[in-house]
């Protein structure tokens, strides 16, 4: 697996995501994912499974120092005292004294962005966090976050899949040295049914899911989050580094993007104006 170098952070290009994964599934699947070769695990305070993720890493038999661990602070914990307490709680649950990457989970808040970025920088200086980042930020907010931060931003974790054109955001992130971490890559079940992805996959003996994961990690500075609660699919999701898509195939997948391709747009979080 190759690493993405983003403002000094060395991030494994393929991560194992735990969104909407119950604790029992985390304890069952994540140790096997790590044993298979995954070295990047993504969770969040709001997922409610940090304790199980911490236990799963411990149970894997792989050293904590060999795992790139990401978690996120939820929007109701952005004020300074709440933020610090939230990070300390996450570290306790994760059974570690640091995380490799800490993200602001969503941009909308009554707390100023300057304060939020200051909080991120504070926990980084304290050694609780190795790298800092953001999630679901548009171009304008990403640029503002970079201006308010002394430490460089490692990633912006956003929805990205073949049906959503994120080229403007990706280009803006690259100018700042920021990687893009792609979530919802399977597009809520659309990817496995896509005829074009099936056709490309047939040329390599790969599934549409593998083609999509490969499409993501083959792009410069893109990190792909995969997720499965089915142990049998772990190898499928991991086995995407033994082939490469042609320029024509990459372009064909990009052409699947639609104007209404966005899936994640929760009104209660006052999502930004998307680019």
C-alpha atoms as a PDB file:
ATOM      1  CA  UNK A   1       0.000   0.000   0.000  1.00  0.00           C
ATOM      2  CA  UNK A   2       1.336   3.430  -0.821  1.00  0.00           C
ATOM      3  CA  UNK A   3       1.329   6.456   1.464  1.00  0.00           C
ATOM      4  CA  UNK A   4      -0.063   9.899   0.733  1.00  0.00           C
ATOM      5  CA  UNK A   5       2.252  12.681   1.895  1.00  0.00           C
ATOM      6  CA  UNK A   6       0.024  15.580   2.885  1.00  0.00           C
ATOM      7  CA  UNK A   7       1.741  18.542   4.521  1.00  0.00           C
ATOM      8  CA  UNK A   8       4.125  16.184   6.291  1.00  0.00           C
ATOM      9  CA  UNK A   9       1.558  13.560   7.298  1.00  0.00           C
ATOM     10  CA  UNK A  10       2.237  10.080   5.929  1.00  0.00           C
ATOM     11  CA  UNK A  11      -1.255   8.649   5.498  1.00  0.00           C
ATOM     12  CA  UNK A  12      -1.929   5.123   4.183  1.00  0.00           C
ATOM     13  CA  UNK A  13      -3.898   5.605   0.974  1.00  0.00           C
ATOM     14  CA  UNK A  14      -6.468   2.955   1.859  1.00  0.00           C
ATOM     15  CA  UNK A  15      -8.283   3.258   5.168  1.00  0.00           C
ATOM     16  CA  UNK A  16     -10.832   1.147   7.003  1.00  0.00           C
ATOM     17  CA  UNK A  17     -13.879   3.224   7.950  1.00  0.00           C
ATOM     18  CA  UNK A  18     -16.222   2.440  10.840  1.00  0.00           C
ATOM     19  CA  UNK A  19     -19.176   4.771  10.161  1.00  0.00           C
ATOM     20  CA  UNK A  20     -22.462   3.154  11.263  1.00  0.00           C
ATOM     21  CA  UNK A  21     -20.560   0.075  12.414  1.00  0.00           C
ATOM     22  CA  UNK A  22     -21.874  -1.301  15.732  1.00  0.00           C
ATOM     23  CA  UNK A  23     -19.322  -2.062  18.390  1.00  0.00           C
ATOM     24  CA  UNK A  24     -19.740  -5.820  18.067  1.00  0.00           C
ATOM     25  CA  UNK A  25     -18.933  -5.634  14.354  1.00  0.00           C
ATOM     26  CA  UNK A  26     -15.899  -3.440  15.057  1.00  0.00           C
ATOM     27  CA  UNK A  27     -14.554  -5.992  17.554  1.00  0.00           C
ATOM     28  CA  UNK A  28     -15.135  -8.804  15.074  1.00  0.00           C
ATOM     29  CA  UNK A  29     -13.935  -7.251  11.815  1.00  0.00           C
ATOM     30  CA  UNK A  30     -11.351  -4.561  12.543  1.00  0.00           C
ATOM     31  CA  UNK A  31      -8.712  -6.886  14.072  1.00  0.00           C
ATOM     32  CA  UNK A  32      -8.961  -9.080  10.973  1.00  0.00           C
ATOM     33  CA  UNK A  33      -8.683  -6.024   8.710  1.00  0.00           C
ATOM     34  CA  UNK A  34      -5.499  -4.975  10.492  1.00  0.00           C
ATOM     35  CA  UNK A  35      -4.078  -8.482  10.370  1.00  0.00           C
ATOM     36  CA  UNK A  36      -4.791  -8.523   6.639  1.00  0.00           C
ATOM     37  CA  UNK A  37      -2.775  -5.366   6.092  1.00  0.00           C
ATOM     38  CA  UNK A  38      -4.963  -2.313   6.698  1.00  0.00           C
ATOM     39  CA  UNK A  39      -2.943   0.265   8.601  1.00  0.00           C
ATOM     40  CA  UNK A  40      -5.329   3.220   8.582  1.00  0.00           C
ATOM     41  CA  UNK A  41      -8.446   3.118  10.770  1.00  0.00           C
ATOM     42  CA  UNK A  42     -11.053   5.889  10.764  1.00  0.00           C
ATOM     43  CA  UNK A  43     -13.613   6.533  13.500  1.00  0.00           C
ATOM     44  CA  UNK A  44     -15.349   9.486  15.156  1.00  0.00           C
ATOM     45  CA  UNK A  45     -16.774  10.485  18.490  1.00  0.00           C
ATOM     46  CA  UNK A  46     -20.293  10.559  17.070  1.00  0.00           C
ATOM     47  CA  UNK A  47     -19.993   7.008  15.723  1.00  0.00           C
ATOM     48  CA  UNK A  48     -20.211   5.701  19.274  1.00  0.00           C
ATOM     49  CA  UNK A  49     -17.592   2.999  18.681  1.00  0.00           C
ATOM     50  CA  UNK A  50     -14.261   4.556  19.694  1.00  0.00           C
ATOM     51  CA  UNK A  51     -13.899   2.186  22.659  1.00  0.00           C
ATOM     52  CA  UNK A  52     -14.367  -0.830  20.417  1.00  0.00           C
ATOM     53  CA  UNK A  53     -11.944   0.580  17.836  1.00  0.00           C
ATOM     54  CA  UNK A  54      -9.329   0.997  20.555  1.00  0.00           C
ATOM     55  CA  UNK A  55      -9.904  -2.545  21.761  1.00  0.00           C
ATOM     56  CA  UNK A  56      -9.829  -3.902  18.208  1.00  0.00           C
ATOM     57  CA  UNK A  57      -6.447  -2.291  17.539  1.00  0.00           C
ATOM     58  CA  UNK A  58      -5.168  -3.805  20.782  1.00  0.00           C
ATOM     59  CA  UNK A  59      -6.610  -7.216  19.864  1.00  0.00           C
ATOM     60  CA  UNK A  60      -5.067  -7.154  16.373  1.00  0.00           C
ATOM     61  CA  UNK A  61      -1.595  -7.939  17.638  1.00  0.00           C
ATOM     62  CA  UNK A  62      -0.175  -5.100  15.519  1.00  0.00           C
ATOM     63  CA  UNK A  63       1.695  -2.353  17.326  1.00  0.00           C
ATOM     64  CA  UNK A  64      -0.244   0.874  17.889  1.00  0.00           C
ATOM     65  CA  UNK A  65       2.680   2.768  16.343  1.00  0.00           C
ATOM     66  CA  UNK A  66       2.082   0.932  13.057  1.00  0.00           C
ATOM     67  CA  UNK A  67      -1.552   2.086  12.846  1.00  0.00           C
ATOM     68  CA  UNK A  68      -2.638   5.461  11.472  1.00  0.00           C
ATOM     69  CA  UNK A  69      -5.657   6.293  13.642  1.00  0.00           C
ATOM     70  CA  UNK A  70      -8.137   9.046  12.807  1.00  0.00           C
ATOM     71  CA  UNK A  71     -10.992  10.359  14.914  1.00  0.00           C
ATOM     72  CA  UNK A  72     -13.184  13.465  14.829  1.00  0.00           C
ATOM     73  CA  UNK A  73     -14.697  16.011  17.223  1.00  0.00           C
ATOM     74  CA  UNK A  74     -18.451  16.478  16.898  1.00  0.00           C
ATOM     75  CA  UNK A  75     -20.039  19.881  16.365  1.00  0.00           C
ATOM     76  CA  UNK A  76     -21.420  20.221  19.908  1.00  0.00           C
ATOM     77  CA  UNK A  77     -17.895  19.990  21.369  1.00  0.00           C
ATOM     78  CA  UNK A  78     -16.218  22.890  19.580  1.00  0.00           C
ATOM     79  CA  UNK A  79     -15.985  25.358  22.483  1.00  0.00           C
ATOM     80  CA  UNK A  80     -12.551  25.240  24.089  1.00  0.00           C
ATOM     81  CA  UNK A  81     -13.305  23.419  27.339  1.00  0.00           C
ATOM     82  CA  UNK A  82     -15.655  20.971  25.611  1.00  0.00           C
ATOM     83  CA  UNK A  83     -13.131  20.388  22.835  1.00  0.00           C
ATOM     84  CA  UNK A  84     -10.274  19.515  25.193  1.00  0.00           C
ATOM     85  CA  UNK A  85     -12.541  17.246  27.241  1.00  0.00           C
ATOM     86  CA  UNK A  86     -13.770  15.557  24.078  1.00  0.00           C
ATOM     87  CA  UNK A  87     -10.244  14.802  22.875  1.00  0.00           C
ATOM     88  CA  UNK A  88      -9.252  13.430  26.280  1.00  0.00           C
ATOM     89  CA  UNK A  89     -12.360  11.233  26.296  1.00  0.00           C
ATOM     90  CA  UNK A  90     -11.591   9.950  22.799  1.00  0.00           C
ATOM     91  CA  UNK A  91      -8.023   9.085  23.782  1.00  0.00           C
ATOM     92  CA  UNK A  92      -9.257   7.197  26.829  1.00  0.00           C
ATOM     93  CA  UNK A  93     -11.781   5.233  24.785  1.00  0.00           C
ATOM     94  CA  UNK A  94      -9.257   4.533  22.045  1.00  0.00           C
ATOM     95  CA  UNK A  95      -6.732   3.286  24.628  1.00  0.00           C
ATOM     96  CA  UNK A  96      -3.972   5.520  23.311  1.00  0.00           C
ATOM     97  CA  UNK A  97      -2.175   8.694  24.322  1.00  0.00           C
ATOM     98  CA  UNK A  98      -2.343  10.189  20.833  1.00  0.00           C
ATOM     99  CA  UNK A  99      -4.236   9.972  17.564  1.00  0.00           C
ATOM    100  CA  UNK A 100      -2.504  10.340  14.237  1.00  0.00           C
ATOM    101  CA  UNK A 101      -5.180  12.630  12.826  1.00  0.00           C
ATOM    102  CA  UNK A 102      -7.956  14.675  14.451  1.00  0.00           C
ATOM    103  CA  UNK A 103     -10.676  16.290  12.336  1.00  0.00           C
ATOM    104  CA  UNK A 104     -13.405  18.870  12.823  1.00  0.00           C
ATOM    105  CA  UNK A 105     -16.324  16.671  11.750  1.00  0.00           C
ATOM    106  CA  UNK A 106     -18.523  19.359  10.143  1.00  0.00           C
ATOM    107  CA  UNK A 107     -17.847  23.058   9.569  1.00  0.00           C
ATOM    108  CA  UNK A 108     -21.092  24.607  10.813  1.00  0.00           C
ATOM    109  CA  UNK A 109     -20.926  26.038  14.336  1.00  0.00           C
ATOM    110  CA  UNK A 110     -21.591  29.144  16.399  1.00  0.00           C
ATOM    111  CA  UNK A 111     -17.986  28.846  17.573  1.00  0.00           C
ATOM    112  CA  UNK A 112     -15.680  30.879  15.349  1.00  0.00           C
ATOM    113  CA  UNK A 113     -13.492  28.963  12.940  1.00  0.00           C
ATOM    114  CA  UNK A 114     -10.475  30.739  14.429  1.00  0.00           C
ATOM    115  CA  UNK A 115     -11.276  29.253  17.859  1.00  0.00           C
ATOM    116  CA  UNK A 116     -11.883  25.806  16.433  1.00  0.00           C
ATOM    117  CA  UNK A 117      -8.585  25.805  14.550  1.00  0.00           C
ATOM    118  CA  UNK A 118      -6.887  27.159  17.666  1.00  0.00           C
ATOM    119  CA  UNK A 119      -8.246  24.201  19.610  1.00  0.00           C
ATOM    120  CA  UNK A 120      -6.868  21.778  17.015  1.00  0.00           C
ATOM    121  CA  UNK A 121      -3.479  23.450  17.186  1.00  0.00           C
ATOM    122  CA  UNK A 122      -3.497  23.340  20.986  1.00  0.00           C
ATOM    123  CA  UNK A 123      -4.045  19.588  21.208  1.00  0.00           C
ATOM    124  CA  UNK A 124      -1.391  19.072  18.526  1.00  0.00           C
ATOM    125  CA  UNK A 125       1.133  21.119  20.490  1.00  0.00           C
ATOM    126  CA  UNK A 126       0.223  19.089  23.579  1.00  0.00           C
ATOM    127  CA  UNK A 127       1.176  15.885  21.741  1.00  0.00           C
ATOM    128  CA  UNK A 128      -2.333  14.438  21.857  1.00  0.00           C
ATOM    129  CA  UNK A 129      -2.626  14.696  18.079  1.00  0.00           C
ATOM    130  CA  UNK A 130       0.059  14.154  15.442  1.00  0.00           C
ATOM    131  CA  UNK A 131      -1.805  15.820  12.549  1.00  0.00           C
ATOM    132  CA  UNK A 132      -4.931  17.947  12.187  1.00  0.00           C
ATOM    133  CA  UNK A 133      -7.632  18.148   9.539  1.00  0.00           C
ATOM    134  CA  UNK A 134     -11.164  19.047   8.595  1.00  0.00           C
ATOM    135  CA  UNK A 135     -14.182  17.273   7.170  1.00  0.00           C
ATOM    136  CA  UNK A 136     -17.028  18.383   4.900  1.00  0.00           C
ATOM    137  CA  UNK A 137     -15.456  21.805   4.274  1.00  0.00           C
ATOM    138  CA  UNK A 138     -16.014  23.588   0.963  1.00  0.00           C
ATOM    139  CA  UNK A 139     -13.268  25.563  -0.788  1.00  0.00           C
ATOM    140  CA  UNK A 140     -13.961  28.862   0.954  1.00  0.00           C
ATOM    141  CA  UNK A 141     -14.043  27.325   4.429  1.00  0.00           C
ATOM    142  CA  UNK A 142     -10.995  25.165   3.698  1.00  0.00           C
ATOM    143  CA  UNK A 143      -9.005  28.246   2.705  1.00  0.00           C
ATOM    144  CA  UNK A 144     -10.143  30.056   5.852  1.00  0.00           C
ATOM    145  CA  UNK A 145      -9.209  27.095   8.033  1.00  0.00           C
ATOM    146  CA  UNK A 146      -5.714  27.056   6.543  1.00  0.00           C
ATOM    147  CA  UNK A 147      -5.286  30.782   7.262  1.00  0.00           C
ATOM    148  CA  UNK A 148      -6.360  30.356  10.888  1.00  0.00           C
ATOM    149  CA  UNK A 149      -4.041  27.412  11.564  1.00  0.00           C
ATOM    150  CA  UNK A 150      -0.387  27.531  12.558  1.00  0.00           C
ATOM    151  CA  UNK A 151      -0.030  23.806  11.848  1.00  0.00           C
ATOM    152  CA  UNK A 152      -0.640  22.597   8.295  1.00  0.00           C
ATOM    153  CA  UNK A 153      -3.910  20.818   7.528  1.00  0.00           C
ATOM    154  CA  UNK A 154      -3.369  17.203   6.503  1.00  0.00           C
ATOM    155  CA  UNK A 155      -6.718  16.330   4.932  1.00  0.00           C
ATOM    156  CA  UNK A 156     -10.273  17.364   4.150  1.00  0.00           C
ATOM    157  CA  UNK A 157     -12.510  14.304   4.462  1.00  0.00           C
ATOM    158  CA  UNK A 158     -15.474  14.625   2.104  1.00  0.00           C
ATOM    159  CA  UNK A 159     -18.038  12.656   0.155  1.00  0.00           C
ATOM    160  CA  UNK A 160     -16.416  11.483  -3.078  1.00  0.00           C
ATOM    161  CA  UNK A 161     -17.390   8.744  -5.500  1.00  0.00           C
ATOM    162  CA  UNK A 162     -17.752   8.284  -9.274  1.00  0.00           C
ATOM    163  CA  UNK A 163     -21.116  10.082  -9.350  1.00  0.00           C
ATOM    164  CA  UNK A 164     -19.896  13.271  -7.618  1.00  0.00           C
ATOM    165  CA  UNK A 165     -17.465  15.653  -9.317  1.00  0.00           C
ATOM    166  CA  UNK A 166     -15.094  17.020  -6.685  1.00  0.00           C
ATOM    167  CA  UNK A 167     -12.466  18.288  -9.117  1.00  0.00           C
ATOM    168  CA  UNK A 168     -12.692  21.940  -8.004  1.00  0.00           C
ATOM    169  CA  UNK A 169     -12.298  21.029  -4.343  1.00  0.00           C
ATOM    170  CA  UNK A 170      -9.446  18.617  -5.083  1.00  0.00           C
ATOM    171  CA  UNK A 171      -7.591  21.254  -7.112  1.00  0.00           C
ATOM    172  CA  UNK A 172      -8.010  23.842  -4.340  1.00  0.00           C
ATOM    173  CA  UNK A 173      -6.826  21.362  -1.710  1.00  0.00           C
ATOM    174  CA  UNK A 174      -3.711  20.484  -3.701  1.00  0.00           C
ATOM    175  CA  UNK A 175      -2.719  24.150  -3.833  1.00  0.00           C
ATOM    176  CA  UNK A 176      -2.647  24.070  -0.030  1.00  0.00           C
ATOM    177  CA  UNK A 177      -0.895  20.702   0.199  1.00  0.00           C
ATOM    178  CA  UNK A 178      -4.074  19.190   1.677  1.00  0.00           C
ATOM    179  CA  UNK A 179      -5.098  15.644   0.781  1.00  0.00           C
ATOM    180  CA  UNK A 180      -8.691  14.590   0.174  1.00  0.00           C
ATOM    181  CA  UNK A 181     -10.041  11.612   2.102  1.00  0.00           C
ATOM    182  CA  UNK A 182     -12.976  10.083   0.255  1.00  0.00           C
ATOM    183  CA  UNK A 183     -15.934   8.649   2.119  1.00  0.00           C
ATOM    184  CA  UNK A 184     -19.123   7.110   0.666  1.00  0.00           C
ATOM    185  CA  UNK A 185     -17.072   5.711  -2.207  1.00  0.00           C
ATOM    186  CA  UNK A 186     -19.658   3.000  -2.861  1.00  0.00           C
ATOM    187  CA  UNK A 187     -22.301   5.726  -3.309  1.00  0.00           C
ATOM    188  CA  UNK A 188     -24.867   4.042  -1.081  1.00  0.00           C
ATOM    189  CA  UNK A 189     -24.843   0.798  -3.082  1.00  0.00           C
ATOM    190  CA  UNK A 190     -24.825   2.284  -6.582  1.00  0.00           C
ATOM    191  CA  UNK A 191     -21.256   1.281  -7.392  1.00  0.00           C
ATOM    192  CA  UNK A 192     -21.688  -2.528  -7.300  1.00  0.00           C
ATOM    193  CA  UNK A 193     -24.571  -2.284  -9.784  1.00  0.00           C
ATOM    194  CA  UNK A 194     -22.886   0.037 -12.284  1.00  0.00           C
ATOM    195  CA  UNK A 195     -22.524  -1.523 -15.751  1.00  0.00           C
ATOM    196  CA  UNK A 196     -19.519   0.587 -16.760  1.00  0.00           C
ATOM    197  CA  UNK A 197     -17.672  -0.319 -13.562  1.00  0.00           C
ATOM    198  CA  UNK A 198     -18.575  -3.969 -14.120  1.00  0.00           C
ATOM    199  CA  UNK A 199     -17.212  -3.799 -17.675  1.00  0.00           C
ATOM    200  CA  UNK A 200     -13.924  -2.256 -16.543  1.00  0.00           C
ATOM    201  CA  UNK A 201     -13.688  -4.754 -13.697  1.00  0.00           C
ATOM    202  CA  UNK A 202     -14.111  -7.693 -16.063  1.00  0.00           C
ATOM    203  CA  UNK A 203     -10.867  -6.701 -17.810  1.00  0.00           C
ATOM    204  CA  UNK A 204      -8.918  -7.133 -14.586  1.00  0.00           C
ATOM    205  CA  UNK A 205     -10.900  -9.787 -12.781  1.00  0.00           C
ATOM    206  CA  UNK A 206     -11.992  -7.169 -10.245  1.00  0.00           C
ATOM    207  CA  UNK A 207     -15.347  -6.130  -8.812  1.00  0.00           C
ATOM    208  CA  UNK A 208     -16.892  -2.675  -9.330  1.00  0.00           C
ATOM    209  CA  UNK A 209     -16.016  -1.908  -5.697  1.00  0.00           C
ATOM    210  CA  UNK A 210     -12.364  -2.711  -6.318  1.00  0.00           C
ATOM    211  CA  UNK A 211     -12.360  -0.628  -9.499  1.00  0.00           C
ATOM    212  CA  UNK A 212     -13.774   2.344  -7.581  1.00  0.00           C
ATOM    213  CA  UNK A 213     -11.290   2.018  -4.730  1.00  0.00           C
ATOM    214  CA  UNK A 214      -8.481   1.787  -7.287  1.00  0.00           C
ATOM    215  CA  UNK A 215      -9.846   4.838  -9.140  1.00  0.00           C
ATOM    216  CA  UNK A 216      -9.683   6.803  -5.900  1.00  0.00           C
ATOM    217  CA  UNK A 217      -6.213   5.814  -4.695  1.00  0.00           C
ATOM    218  CA  UNK A 218      -4.758   6.153  -8.201  1.00  0.00           C
ATOM    219  CA  UNK A 219      -5.501   9.867  -8.070  1.00  0.00           C
ATOM    220  CA  UNK A 220      -2.709  11.945  -6.500  1.00  0.00           C
ATOM    221  CA  UNK A 221      -3.262  12.930  -2.856  1.00  0.00           C
ATOM    222  CA  UNK A 222      -6.537  10.986  -2.575  1.00  0.00           C
ATOM    223  CA  UNK A 223      -7.144   8.649   0.366  1.00  0.00           C
ATOM    224  CA  UNK A 224      -9.947   6.102   0.124  1.00  0.00           C
ATOM    225  CA  UNK A 225     -12.010   4.843   3.042  1.00  0.00           C
ATOM    226  CA  UNK A 226     -13.405   1.357   2.583  1.00  0.00           C
ATOM    227  CA  UNK A 227     -15.864  -0.312   4.906  1.00  0.00           C
ATOM    228  CA  UNK A 228     -17.402  -3.725   5.326  1.00  0.00           C
ATOM    229  CA  UNK A 229     -18.854  -5.750   8.168  1.00  0.00           C
ATOM    230  CA  UNK A 230     -18.455  -8.899   6.051  1.00  0.00           C
ATOM    231  CA  UNK A 231     -15.148 -10.612   6.737  1.00  0.00           C
ATOM    232  CA  UNK A 232     -15.138 -12.214   3.308  1.00  0.00           C
ATOM    233  CA  UNK A 233     -15.005  -8.797   1.635  1.00  0.00           C
ATOM    234  CA  UNK A 234     -11.973  -7.585   3.552  1.00  0.00           C
ATOM    235  CA  UNK A 235      -9.527  -9.080   1.067  1.00  0.00           C
ATOM    236  CA  UNK A 236     -11.589  -7.741  -1.831  1.00  0.00           C
ATOM    237  CA  UNK A 237     -11.371  -4.201  -0.467  1.00  0.00           C
ATOM    238  CA  UNK A 238      -7.661  -4.506   0.282  1.00  0.00           C
ATOM    239  CA  UNK A 239      -6.671  -6.114  -3.018  1.00  0.00           C
ATOM    240  CA  UNK A 240      -6.506  -2.990  -5.186  1.00  0.00           C
ATOM    241  CA  UNK A 241      -2.771  -2.404  -5.531  1.00  0.00           C
ATOM    242  CA  UNK A 242      -1.891  -5.142  -8.033  1.00  0.00           C
ATOM    243  CA  UNK A 243      -3.255  -3.368 -11.115  1.00  0.00           C
ATOM    244  CA  UNK A 244      -3.617   0.121 -12.556  1.00  0.00           C
ATOM    245  CA  UNK A 245      -6.405   1.697 -14.553  1.00  0.00           C
ATOM    246  CA  UNK A 246      -5.601   3.314 -17.892  1.00  0.00           C
ATOM    247  CA  UNK A 247      -6.089   7.028 -18.481  1.00  0.00           C
ATOM    248  CA  UNK A 248      -9.102   6.183 -20.621  1.00  0.00           C
ATOM    249  CA  UNK A 249     -10.649   4.053 -17.874  1.00  0.00           C
ATOM    250  CA  UNK A 250     -10.042   6.758 -15.262  1.00  0.00           C
ATOM    251  CA  UNK A 251     -11.732   9.279 -17.559  1.00  0.00           C
ATOM    252  CA  UNK A 252     -14.683   6.951 -18.159  1.00  0.00           C
ATOM    253  CA  UNK A 253     -15.250   6.680 -14.416  1.00  0.00           C
ATOM    254  CA  UNK A 254     -14.990  10.446 -13.973  1.00  0.00           C
ATOM    255  CA  UNK A 255     -17.667  10.839 -16.650  1.00  0.00           C
ATOM    256  CA  UNK A 256     -20.150   8.991 -14.413  1.00  0.00           C
ATOM    257  CA  UNK A 257     -20.481  12.150 -12.302  1.00  0.00           C
ATOM    258  CA  UNK A 258     -23.932  13.737 -12.274  1.00  0.00           C
ATOM    259  CA  UNK A 259     -25.093  17.223 -11.225  1.00  0.00           C
ATOM    260  CA  UNK A 260     -27.310  15.631  -8.565  1.00  0.00           C
ATOM    261  CA  UNK A 261     -24.734  13.067  -7.479  1.00  0.00           C
ATOM    262  CA  UNK A 262     -24.364  14.250  -3.895  1.00  0.00           C
ATOM    263  CA  UNK A 263     -25.816  11.896  -1.277  1.00  0.00           C
ATOM    264  CA  UNK A 264     -24.743  13.385   2.070  1.00  0.00           C
ATOM    265  CA  UNK A 265     -26.372  16.757   2.697  1.00  0.00           C
ATOM    266  CA  UNK A 266     -27.886  16.754   6.226  1.00  0.00           C
ATOM    267  CA  UNK A 267     -30.050  19.811   6.701  1.00  0.00           C
ATOM    268  CA  UNK A 268     -29.723  19.832  10.493  1.00  0.00           C
ATOM    269  CA  UNK A 269     -25.991  20.451  10.152  1.00  0.00           C
ATOM    270  CA  UNK A 270     -26.495  23.516   7.955  1.00  0.00           C
ATOM    271  CA  UNK A 271     -24.200  22.136   5.245  1.00  0.00           C
ATOM    272  CA  UNK A 272     -22.054  24.639   3.356  1.00  0.00           C
ATOM    273  CA  UNK A 273     -22.622  25.814  -0.159  1.00  0.00           C
ATOM    274  CA  UNK A 274     -21.000  22.925  -1.979  1.00  0.00           C
ATOM    275  CA  UNK A 275     -18.518  23.659  -4.765  1.00  0.00           C
END
